Amino acid sequence: MEEKQNVGTKFKNFCKECGRVLKITKKPTSQEFKITVIVTGIGMLIIGFIGFVITMIRQLMFQ
Protein backbone atom coordinates (compact mmCIF):
# COMPACT_ATOMS: atom_id res chain seq x y z
CA MET A 1 0.00 0.00 0.00
CA GLU A 2 2.84 2.37 0.84
CA GLU A 3 4.44 1.70 -2.54
CA LYS A 4 1.27 2.81 -4.38
CA GLN A 5 1.13 5.99 -2.35
CA ASN A 6 4.81 6.50 -2.98
CA VAL A 7 4.28 6.12 -6.75
CA GLY A 8 1.31 8.47 -6.61
CA THR A 9 3.31 11.03 -4.65
CA LYS A 10 6.20 10.77 -7.08
CA PHE A 11 3.85 11.27 -10.03
CA LYS A 12 2.22 14.28 -8.36
CA ASN A 13 5.63 15.82 -7.64
CA PHE A 14 6.69 15.18 -11.22
CA CYS A 15 3.59 16.96 -12.54
CA LYS A 16 4.26 19.93 -10.24
CA GLU A 17 7.85 20.15 -11.50
CA CYS A 18 6.69 20.00 -15.13
CA GLY A 19 4.24 22.82 -14.48
CA ARG A 20 6.94 24.90 -12.82
CA VAL A 21 9.27 24.43 -15.78
CA LEU A 22 6.55 25.34 -18.27
CA LYS A 23 5.79 28.54 -16.35
CA ILE A 24 9.36 29.84 -16.58
CA THR A 25 10.05 28.87 -20.21
CA LYS A 26 9.62 31.36 -23.03
CA LYS A 27 9.46 31.26 -26.80
CA PRO A 28 12.89 31.99 -28.33
CA THR A 29 13.37 35.06 -30.45
CA SER A 30 14.14 34.59 -34.13
CA GLN A 31 17.80 35.47 -33.46
CA GLU A 32 18.07 32.84 -30.70
CA PHE A 33 16.40 30.27 -32.95
CA LYS A 34 18.79 30.98 -35.83
CA ILE A 35 21.82 30.66 -33.57
CA THR A 36 20.50 27.37 -32.17
CA VAL A 37 19.95 25.99 -35.67
CA ILE A 38 23.43 27.03 -36.82
CA VAL A 39 25.19 25.59 -33.76
CA THR A 40 23.21 22.34 -34.00
CA GLY A 41 23.99 22.05 -37.72
CA ILE A 42 27.71 22.62 -37.15
CA GLY A 43 27.70 19.99 -34.39
CA MET A 44 25.98 17.47 -36.65
CA LEU A 45 28.49 18.12 -39.43
CA ILE A 46 31.44 17.68 -37.07
CA ILE A 47 30.08 14.41 -35.64
CA GLY A 48 29.28 13.14 -39.14
CA PHE A 49 32.77 14.01 -40.37
CA ILE A 50 34.36 12.21 -37.41
CA GLY A 51 32.22 9.13 -38.11
CA PHE A 52 33.17 9.26 -41.80
CA VAL A 53 36.89 9.45 -40.96
CA ILE A 54 36.63 6.54 -38.52
CA THR A 55 34.77 4.46 -41.13
CA MET A 56 37.38 5.23 -43.79
CA ILE A 57 40.23 4.33 -41.44
CA ARG A 58 38.55 1.01 -40.54
CA GLN A 59 38.01 0.15 -44.20
CA LEU A 60 41.63 0.95 -45.06
CA MET A 61 42.95 -1.11 -42.15
CA PHE A 62 40.82 -4.20 -42.82
CA GLN A 63 40.86 -4.16 -46.61
PDB file of N, CA and C in Angstrom:
ATOM      1  N   MET A   1       0.821  -1.180   0.000  1.00  0.00           N
ATOM      2  CA  MET A   1       0.000   0.000   0.000  1.00  0.00           C
ATOM      3  C   MET A   1       0.873   1.255   0.000  1.00  0.00           C
ATOM      4  N   GLU A   2       1.954   1.208   0.787  1.00  0.00           N
ATOM      5  CA  GLU A   2       2.842   2.365   0.841  1.00  0.00           C
ATOM      6  C   GLU A   2       3.494   2.623  -0.511  1.00  0.00           C
ATOM      7  N   GLU A   3       3.795   1.552  -1.250  1.00  0.00           N
ATOM      8  CA  GLU A   3       4.437   1.703  -2.542  1.00  0.00           C
ATOM      9  C   GLU A   3       3.520   2.432  -3.521  1.00  0.00           C
ATOM     10  N   LYS A   4       2.225   2.121  -3.508  1.00  0.00           N
ATOM     11  CA  LYS A   4       1.273   2.805  -4.380  1.00  0.00           C
ATOM     12  C   LYS A   4       1.187   4.285  -4.030  1.00  0.00           C
ATOM     13  N   GLN A   5       1.158   4.590  -2.755  1.00  0.00           N
ATOM     14  CA  GLN A   5       1.130   5.989  -2.347  1.00  0.00           C
ATOM     15  C   GLN A   5       2.427   6.674  -2.751  1.00  0.00           C
ATOM     16  N   ASN A   6       3.516   5.948  -2.624  1.00  0.00           N
ATOM     17  CA  ASN A   6       4.807   6.499  -2.983  1.00  0.00           C
ATOM     18  C   ASN A   6       4.845   6.817  -4.480  1.00  0.00           C
ATOM     19  N   VAL A   7       4.327   5.906  -5.305  1.00  0.00           N
ATOM     20  CA  VAL A   7       4.283   6.122  -6.748  1.00  0.00           C
ATOM     21  C   VAL A   7       3.368   7.300  -7.064  1.00  0.00           C
ATOM     22  N   GLY A   8       2.229   7.359  -6.409  1.00  0.00           N
ATOM     23  CA  GLY A   8       1.306   8.471  -6.612  1.00  0.00           C
ATOM     24  C   GLY A   8       1.930   9.797  -6.210  1.00  0.00           C
ATOM     25  N   THR A   9       2.642   9.813  -5.102  1.00  0.00           N
ATOM     26  CA  THR A   9       3.310  11.025  -4.647  1.00  0.00           C
ATOM     27  C   THR A   9       4.395  11.439  -5.621  1.00  0.00           C
ATOM     28  N   LYS A  10       5.152  10.460  -6.114  1.00  0.00           N
ATOM     29  CA  LYS A  10       6.204  10.773  -7.083  1.00  0.00           C
ATOM     30  C   LYS A  10       5.611  11.352  -8.354  1.00  0.00           C
ATOM     31  N   PHE A  11       4.491  10.780  -8.819  1.00  0.00           N
ATOM     32  CA  PHE A  11       3.849  11.273 -10.031  1.00  0.00           C
ATOM     33  C   PHE A  11       3.332  12.693  -9.824  1.00  0.00           C
ATOM     34  N   LYS A  12       2.739  12.943  -8.665  1.00  0.00           N
ATOM     35  CA  LYS A  12       2.222  14.278  -8.357  1.00  0.00           C
ATOM     36  C   LYS A  12       3.363  15.297  -8.313  1.00  0.00           C
ATOM     37  N   ASN A  13       4.466  14.928  -7.689  1.00  0.00           N
ATOM     38  CA  ASN A  13       5.631  15.825  -7.637  1.00  0.00           C
ATOM     39  C   ASN A  13       6.192  16.075  -9.036  1.00  0.00           C
ATOM     40  N   PHE A  14       6.208  15.030  -9.855  1.00  0.00           N
ATOM     41  CA  PHE A  14       6.694  15.176 -11.223  1.00  0.00           C
ATOM     42  C   PHE A  14       5.824  16.163 -11.994  1.00  0.00           C
ATOM     43  N   CYS A  15       4.507  16.045 -11.845  1.00  0.00           N
ATOM     44  CA  CYS A  15       3.590  16.962 -12.544  1.00  0.00           C
ATOM     45  C   CYS A  15       3.791  18.393 -12.070  1.00  0.00           C
ATOM     46  N   LYS A  16       4.006  18.587 -10.771  1.00  0.00           N
ATOM     47  CA  LYS A  16       4.258  19.930 -10.242  1.00  0.00           C
ATOM     48  C   LYS A  16       5.534  20.512 -10.841  1.00  0.00           C
ATOM     49  N   GLU A  17       6.577  19.687 -10.926  1.00  0.00           N
ATOM     50  CA  GLU A  17       7.845  20.146 -11.498  1.00  0.00           C
ATOM     51  C   GLU A  17       7.685  20.509 -12.975  1.00  0.00           C
ATOM     52  N   CYS A  18       6.933  19.703 -13.706  1.00  0.00           N
ATOM     53  CA  CYS A  18       6.686  20.002 -15.126  1.00  0.00           C
ATOM     54  C   CYS A  18       5.957  21.328 -15.273  1.00  0.00           C
ATOM     55  N   GLY A  19       4.968  21.552 -14.446  1.00  0.00           N
ATOM     56  CA  GLY A  19       4.242  22.815 -14.480  1.00  0.00           C
ATOM     57  C   GLY A  19       5.132  23.991 -14.162  1.00  0.00           C
ATOM     58  N   ARG A  20       6.016  23.822 -13.192  1.00  0.00           N
ATOM     59  CA  ARG A  20       6.940  24.897 -12.819  1.00  0.00           C
ATOM     60  C   ARG A  20       7.880  25.232 -13.968  1.00  0.00           C
ATOM     61  N   VAL A  21       8.383  24.208 -14.648  1.00  0.00           N
ATOM     62  CA  VAL A  21       9.275  24.429 -15.784  1.00  0.00           C
ATOM     63  C   VAL A  21       8.534  25.132 -16.916  1.00  0.00           C
ATOM     64  N   LEU A  22       7.321  24.715 -17.194  1.00  0.00           N
ATOM     65  CA  LEU A  22       6.545  25.338 -18.274  1.00  0.00           C
ATOM     66  C   LEU A  22       6.221  26.803 -17.980  1.00  0.00           C
ATOM     67  N   LYS A  23       6.073  27.153 -16.706  1.00  0.00           N
ATOM     68  CA  LYS A  23       5.788  28.543 -16.347  1.00  0.00           C
ATOM     69  C   LYS A  23       6.971  29.466 -16.609  1.00  0.00           C
ATOM     70  N   ILE A  24       8.202  28.959 -16.444  1.00  0.00           N
ATOM     71  CA  ILE A  24       9.363  29.837 -16.584  1.00  0.00           C
ATOM     72  C   ILE A  24       9.971  29.818 -17.993  1.00  0.00           C
ATOM     73  N   THR A  25       9.507  28.917 -18.854  1.00  0.00           N
ATOM     74  CA  THR A  25      10.049  28.875 -20.208  1.00  0.00           C
ATOM     75  C   THR A  25       9.422  29.967 -21.058  1.00  0.00           C
ATOM     76  N   LYS A  26      10.134  30.339 -22.116  1.00  0.00           N
ATOM     77  CA  LYS A  26       9.625  31.357 -23.026  1.00  0.00           C
ATOM     78  C   LYS A  26       9.956  30.958 -24.454  1.00  0.00           C
ATOM     79  N   LYS A  27       9.221  31.526 -25.390  1.00  0.00           N
ATOM     80  CA  LYS A  27       9.458  31.263 -26.797  1.00  0.00           C
ATOM     81  C   LYS A  27      10.737  31.989 -27.203  1.00  0.00           C
ATOM     82  N   PRO A  28      11.644  31.311 -27.929  1.00  0.00           N
ATOM     83  CA  PRO A  28      12.888  31.987 -28.326  1.00  0.00           C
ATOM     84  C   PRO A  28      12.622  33.041 -29.401  1.00  0.00           C
ATOM     85  N   THR A  29      13.457  34.062 -29.392  1.00  0.00           N
ATOM     86  CA  THR A  29      13.371  35.064 -30.449  1.00  0.00           C
ATOM     87  C   THR A  29      13.902  34.451 -31.746  1.00  0.00           C
ATOM     88  N   SER A  30      13.662  35.135 -32.849  1.00  0.00           N
ATOM     89  CA  SER A  30      14.139  34.594 -34.126  1.00  0.00           C
ATOM     90  C   SER A  30      15.664  34.527 -34.147  1.00  0.00           C
ATOM     91  N   GLN A  31      16.327  35.481 -33.513  1.00  0.00           N
ATOM     92  CA  GLN A  31      17.798  35.474 -33.456  1.00  0.00           C
ATOM     93  C   GLN A  31      18.296  34.268 -32.655  1.00  0.00           C
ATOM     94  N   GLU A  32      17.683  34.000 -31.499  1.00  0.00           N
ATOM     95  CA  GLU A  32      18.072  32.836 -30.696  1.00  0.00           C
ATOM     96  C   GLU A  32      17.828  31.541 -31.461  1.00  0.00           C
ATOM     97  N   PHE A  33      16.723  31.472 -32.180  1.00  0.00           N
ATOM     98  CA  PHE A  33      16.402  30.272 -32.946  1.00  0.00           C
ATOM     99  C   PHE A  33      17.421  30.047 -34.052  1.00  0.00           C
ATOM    100  N   LYS A  34      17.791  31.105 -34.761  1.00  0.00           N
ATOM    101  CA  LYS A  34      18.786  30.984 -35.834  1.00  0.00           C
ATOM    102  C   LYS A  34      20.125  30.502 -35.296  1.00  0.00           C
ATOM    103  N   ILE A  35      20.543  31.062 -34.170  1.00  0.00           N
ATOM    104  CA  ILE A  35      21.822  30.656 -33.574  1.00  0.00           C
ATOM    105  C   ILE A  35      21.770  29.189 -33.161  1.00  0.00           C
ATOM    106  N   THR A  36      20.655  28.771 -32.576  1.00  0.00           N
ATOM    107  CA  THR A  36      20.502  27.373 -32.166  1.00  0.00           C
ATOM    108  C   THR A  36      20.577  26.440 -33.371  1.00  0.00           C
ATOM    109  N   VAL A  37      19.924  26.810 -34.465  1.00  0.00           N
ATOM    110  CA  VAL A  37      19.946  25.990 -35.673  1.00  0.00           C
ATOM    111  C   VAL A  37      21.358  25.907 -36.240  1.00  0.00           C
ATOM    112  N   ILE A  38      22.069  27.018 -36.271  1.00  0.00           N
ATOM    113  CA  ILE A  38      23.432  27.034 -36.816  1.00  0.00           C
ATOM    114  C   ILE A  38      24.364  26.173 -35.969  1.00  0.00           C
ATOM    115  N   VAL A  39      24.311  26.358 -34.649  1.00  0.00           N
ATOM    116  CA  VAL A  39      25.193  25.593 -33.757  1.00  0.00           C
ATOM    117  C   VAL A  39      24.885  24.103 -33.838  1.00  0.00           C
ATOM    118  N   THR A  40      23.599  23.748 -33.883  1.00  0.00           N
ATOM    119  CA  THR A  40      23.214  22.342 -33.998  1.00  0.00           C
ATOM    120  C   THR A  40      23.691  21.755 -35.321  1.00  0.00           C
ATOM    121  N   GLY A  41      23.540  22.510 -36.410  1.00  0.00           N
ATOM    122  CA  GLY A  41      23.995  22.048 -37.719  1.00  0.00           C
ATOM    123  C   GLY A  41      25.496  21.830 -37.762  1.00  0.00           C
ATOM    124  N   ILE A  42      26.243  22.766 -37.183  1.00  0.00           N
ATOM    125  CA  ILE A  42      27.707  22.618 -37.146  1.00  0.00           C
ATOM    126  C   ILE A  42      28.089  21.385 -36.339  1.00  0.00           C
ATOM    127  N   GLY A  43      27.422  21.170 -35.207  1.00  0.00           N
ATOM    128  CA  GLY A  43      27.703  19.986 -34.386  1.00  0.00           C
ATOM    129  C   GLY A  43      27.422  18.697 -35.141  1.00  0.00           C
ATOM    130  N   MET A  44      26.313  18.663 -35.876  1.00  0.00           N
ATOM    131  CA  MET A  44      25.982  17.465 -36.653  1.00  0.00           C
ATOM    132  C   MET A  44      27.020  17.220 -37.743  1.00  0.00           C
ATOM    133  N   LEU A  45      27.467  18.275 -38.397  1.00  0.00           N
ATOM    134  CA  LEU A  45      28.494  18.119 -39.431  1.00  0.00           C
ATOM    135  C   LEU A  45      29.804  17.592 -38.848  1.00  0.00           C
ATOM    136  N   ILE A  46      30.189  18.121 -37.704  1.00  0.00           N
ATOM    137  CA  ILE A  46      31.441  17.680 -37.071  1.00  0.00           C
ATOM    138  C   ILE A  46      31.350  16.203 -36.681  1.00  0.00           C
ATOM    139  N   ILE A  47      30.251  15.811 -36.043  1.00  0.00           N
ATOM    140  CA  ILE A  47      30.083  14.413 -35.639  1.00  0.00           C
ATOM    141  C   ILE A  47      30.023  13.504 -36.863  1.00  0.00           C
ATOM    142  N   GLY A  48      29.335  13.936 -37.910  1.00  0.00           N
ATOM    143  CA  GLY A  48      29.279  13.145 -39.142  1.00  0.00           C
ATOM    144  C   GLY A  48      30.639  12.991 -39.783  1.00  0.00           C
ATOM    145  N   PHE A  49      31.426  14.071 -39.797  1.00  0.00           N
ATOM    146  CA  PHE A  49      32.771  14.008 -40.371  1.00  0.00           C
ATOM    147  C   PHE A  49      33.657  13.061 -39.573  1.00  0.00           C
ATOM    148  N   ILE A  50      33.561  13.115 -38.250  1.00  0.00           N
ATOM    149  CA  ILE A  50      34.359  12.210 -37.410  1.00  0.00           C
ATOM    150  C   ILE A  50      33.963  10.763 -37.690  1.00  0.00           C
ATOM    151  N   GLY A  51      32.673  10.490 -37.795  1.00  0.00           N
ATOM    152  CA  GLY A  51      32.224   9.133 -38.114  1.00  0.00           C
ATOM    153  C   GLY A  51      32.704   8.680 -39.475  1.00  0.00           C
ATOM    154  N   PHE A  52      32.688   9.586 -40.450  1.00  0.00           N
ATOM    155  CA  PHE A  52      33.173   9.263 -41.796  1.00  0.00           C
ATOM    156  C   PHE A  52      34.660   8.918 -41.767  1.00  0.00           C
ATOM    157  N   VAL A  53      35.443   9.704 -41.051  1.00  0.00           N
ATOM    158  CA  VAL A  53      36.885   9.453 -40.963  1.00  0.00           C
ATOM    159  C   VAL A  53      37.150   8.106 -40.291  1.00  0.00           C
ATOM    160  N   ILE A  54      36.444   7.813 -39.216  1.00  0.00           N
ATOM    161  CA  ILE A  54      36.628   6.535 -38.524  1.00  0.00           C
ATOM    162  C   ILE A  54      36.271   5.372 -39.446  1.00  0.00           C
ATOM    163  N   THR A  55      35.167   5.511 -40.199  1.00  0.00           N
ATOM    164  CA  THR A  55      34.770   4.457 -41.132  1.00  0.00           C
ATOM    165  C   THR A  55      35.825   4.262 -42.213  1.00  0.00           C
ATOM    166  N   MET A  56      36.353   5.333 -42.750  1.00  0.00           N
ATOM    167  CA  MET A  56      37.383   5.226 -43.787  1.00  0.00           C
ATOM    168  C   MET A  56      38.647   4.570 -43.249  1.00  0.00           C
ATOM    169  N   ILE A  57      39.038   4.927 -42.039  1.00  0.00           N
ATOM    170  CA  ILE A  57      40.234   4.326 -41.436  1.00  0.00           C
ATOM    171  C   ILE A  57      40.019   2.825 -41.233  1.00  0.00           C
ATOM    172  N   ARG A  58      38.832   2.436 -40.737  1.00  0.00           N
ATOM    173  CA  ARG A  58      38.548   1.009 -40.536  1.00  0.00           C
ATOM    174  C   ARG A  58      38.571   0.247 -41.858  1.00  0.00           C
ATOM    175  N   GLN A  59      38.020   0.842 -42.906  1.00  0.00           N
ATOM    176  CA  GLN A  59      38.015   0.155 -44.201  1.00  0.00           C
ATOM    177  C   GLN A  59      39.419   0.024 -44.765  1.00  0.00           C
ATOM    178  N   LEU A  60      40.253   1.026 -44.574  1.00  0.00           N
ATOM    179  CA  LEU A  60      41.630   0.948 -45.061  1.00  0.00           C
ATOM    180  C   LEU A  60      42.456  -0.062 -44.266  1.00  0.00           C
ATOM    181  N   MET A  61      42.178  -0.181 -42.969  1.00  0.00           N
ATOM    182  CA  MET A  61      42.947  -1.114 -42.147  1.00  0.00           C
ATOM    183  C   MET A  61      42.567  -2.558 -42.404  1.00  0.00           C
ATOM    184  N   PHE A  62      41.299  -2.829 -42.681  1.00  0.00           N
ATOM    185  CA  PHE A  62      40.820  -4.203 -42.818  1.00  0.00           C
ATOM    186  C   PHE A  62      40.478  -4.552 -44.265  1.00  0.00           C
ATOM    187  N   GLN A  63      41.134  -3.935 -45.188  1.00  0.00           N
ATOM    188  CA  GLN A  63      40.858  -4.160 -46.609  1.00  0.00           C
ATOM    189  C   GLN A  63      41.373  -5.478 -47.081  1.00  0.00           C
TER     190      GLN A  63
END
